[in-house]
N, C-alpha and C. Protein backbone atom coordinates (compact mmCIF):
# COMPACT_ATOMS: atom_id res chain seq x y z
N UNK A 1 -56.44 133.66 -100.90
CA UNK A 1 -55.31 133.81 -100.80
C UNK A 1 -55.83 132.16 -99.95
N UNK A 2 -54.29 131.11 -100.15
CA UNK A 2 -53.75 129.88 -100.25
C UNK A 2 -53.39 129.41 -98.80
N UNK A 3 -54.23 128.35 -98.81
CA UNK A 3 -53.87 127.73 -96.88
C UNK A 3 -52.26 127.48 -97.20
N UNK A 4 -51.71 127.87 -96.02
CA UNK A 4 -50.20 127.23 -95.54
C UNK A 4 -50.44 125.84 -94.50
N UNK A 5 -49.88 125.25 -95.20
CA UNK A 5 -49.96 123.39 -94.75
C UNK A 5 -48.22 123.80 -94.56
N UNK A 6 -47.63 122.96 -93.51
CA UNK A 6 -46.90 122.97 -92.71
C UNK A 6 -46.41 121.81 -91.25
N UNK A 7 -45.58 121.51 -91.21
CA UNK A 7 -45.02 120.38 -90.61
C UNK A 7 -44.19 120.35 -88.86
N UNK A 8 -44.68 120.17 -88.15
CA UNK A 8 -45.28 121.35 -86.37
C UNK A 8 -43.76 119.95 -86.21
N UNK A 9 -42.54 120.83 -85.64
CA UNK A 9 -42.11 120.02 -84.86
C UNK A 9 -42.03 120.02 -83.57
N UNK A 10 -41.24 118.72 -82.46
CA UNK A 10 -41.91 118.69 -81.44
C UNK A 10 -41.63 120.09 -80.78
N UNK A 11 -39.99 120.46 -80.80
CA UNK A 11 -40.52 122.01 -80.43
C UNK A 11 -41.53 123.00 -80.30
N UNK A 12 -42.04 123.22 -81.72
CA UNK A 12 -42.67 123.65 -81.59
C UNK A 12 -44.63 123.55 -81.54
N UNK A 13 -44.32 122.11 -80.88
CA UNK A 13 -46.03 121.75 -80.34
C UNK A 13 -45.81 122.54 -78.75
N UNK A 14 -44.84 122.34 -78.53
CA UNK A 14 -44.54 122.03 -77.31
C UNK A 14 -44.27 123.94 -76.30
N UNK A 15 -44.16 124.66 -77.75
CA UNK A 15 -44.31 125.81 -77.79
C UNK A 15 -45.62 127.08 -78.07
N UNK A 16 -46.85 125.87 -78.26
CA UNK A 16 -47.62 126.54 -79.10
C UNK A 16 -49.25 127.71 -78.34
N UNK A 17 -48.99 127.72 -77.27
CA UNK A 17 -49.18 128.79 -76.03
C UNK A 17 -48.87 130.05 -76.29
N UNK A 18 -46.85 129.93 -76.20
CA UNK A 18 -46.69 131.26 -76.42
C UNK A 18 -46.24 131.47 -78.28
N UNK A 19 -47.28 131.38 -79.01
CA UNK A 19 -47.16 131.50 -80.07
C UNK A 19 -48.67 132.39 -80.74
N UNK A 20 -47.57 133.04 -82.44
CA UNK A 20 -49.32 134.05 -82.53
C UNK A 20 -49.39 132.71 -83.34
N UNK A 21 -51.14 132.97 -83.64
CA UNK A 21 -51.62 132.52 -84.37
C UNK A 21 -51.55 132.19 -86.24
N UNK A 22 -50.81 133.52 -86.32
CA UNK A 22 -50.34 134.11 -87.84
C UNK A 22 -49.45 133.31 -87.72
N UNK A 23 -48.45 132.48 -86.56
CA UNK A 23 -47.38 132.45 -87.09
C UNK A 23 -47.14 130.34 -86.99
N UNK A 24 -48.91 130.19 -87.25
CA UNK A 24 -48.82 129.19 -87.07
C UNK A 24 -49.38 128.41 -88.81
N UNK A 25 -49.17 127.05 -89.23
CA UNK A 25 -50.32 127.03 -90.50
C UNK A 25 -51.59 126.69 -90.85
N UNK A 26 -52.06 127.39 -91.02
CA UNK A 26 -53.41 127.15 -91.46
C UNK A 26 -53.70 125.55 -91.27
N UNK A 27 -52.97 124.85 -92.03
CA UNK A 27 -52.84 122.99 -92.03
C UNK A 27 -51.30 121.95 -92.14
N UNK A 28 -51.61 121.95 -90.08
CA UNK A 28 -50.52 121.82 -90.04
C UNK A 28 -50.67 120.47 -89.91
N UNK A 29 -49.32 119.52 -90.00
CA UNK A 29 -49.14 118.74 -90.02
C UNK A 29 -47.83 118.25 -88.91
N UNK A 30 -48.58 116.55 -88.29
CA UNK A 30 -47.88 116.25 -87.08
C UNK A 30 -46.95 114.89 -87.42
N UNK A 31 -45.79 114.34 -86.69
CA UNK A 31 -45.00 113.51 -87.73
C UNK A 31 -45.64 112.71 -86.51
N UNK A 32 -45.81 111.52 -87.00
CA UNK A 32 -45.76 110.64 -85.33
C UNK A 32 -44.68 110.04 -84.46
N UNK A 33 -43.80 110.26 -84.96
CA UNK A 33 -42.34 110.54 -84.09
C UNK A 33 -42.41 111.76 -83.40
N UNK A 34 -43.11 113.07 -83.73
CA UNK A 34 -43.41 113.76 -82.87
C UNK A 34 -45.01 113.63 -81.90
N UNK A 35 -45.58 113.07 -81.93
CA UNK A 35 -46.87 112.14 -80.57
C UNK A 35 -45.64 111.01 -79.71
N UNK A 36 -44.79 110.49 -80.10
CA UNK A 36 -44.46 109.42 -79.56
C UNK A 36 -43.39 110.08 -78.80
N UNK A 37 -42.84 111.72 -79.05
CA UNK A 37 -41.92 112.14 -78.40
C UNK A 37 -42.57 112.83 -77.54
N UNK A 38 -43.83 113.47 -77.60
CA UNK A 38 -44.72 114.06 -76.38
C UNK A 38 -45.37 113.58 -75.55
N UNK A 39 -44.90 111.97 -75.32
CA UNK A 39 -46.32 110.59 -75.00
C UNK A 39 -44.76 109.83 -74.03
N UNK A 40 -43.76 109.81 -74.59
CA UNK A 40 -42.93 109.30 -74.31
C UNK A 40 -42.32 110.24 -72.96
N UNK A 41 -41.71 111.01 -73.74
CA UNK A 41 -41.21 111.78 -72.82
C UNK A 41 -41.11 112.30 -71.25
N UNK A 42 -42.97 113.07 -71.36
CA UNK A 42 -42.67 113.03 -69.17
C UNK A 42 -42.54 112.00 -68.96
N UNK A 43 -43.26 111.04 -69.63
CA UNK A 43 -42.66 108.97 -68.68
C UNK A 43 -41.32 109.49 -68.08
N UNK A 44 -40.24 109.43 -69.03
CA UNK A 44 -39.08 109.85 -68.54
C UNK A 44 -38.44 110.59 -67.73
N UNK A 45 -38.78 111.44 -68.09
CA UNK A 45 -38.70 112.82 -66.80
C UNK A 45 -38.67 112.41 -65.93
N UNK A 46 -40.65 111.50 -65.59
CA UNK A 46 -41.09 111.13 -64.16
C UNK A 46 -40.04 110.48 -63.67
N UNK A 47 -39.06 109.37 -64.49
CA UNK A 47 -38.74 108.41 -64.01
C UNK A 47 -37.27 108.89 -63.62
N UNK A 48 -37.16 109.87 -63.89
CA UNK A 48 -35.41 110.16 -63.39
C UNK A 48 -34.93 111.27 -62.23
């Protein structure tokens, strides 16, 4: 069986707890923009 490689979008990272492990690639990749959105999002929400 070959390894599945996939790019995880921000919405997928947020929903990880509700996803089945079979839905997630065996080698997930995350872009820098996803990390930035996840880091800044709570700060912006708290300021609103």
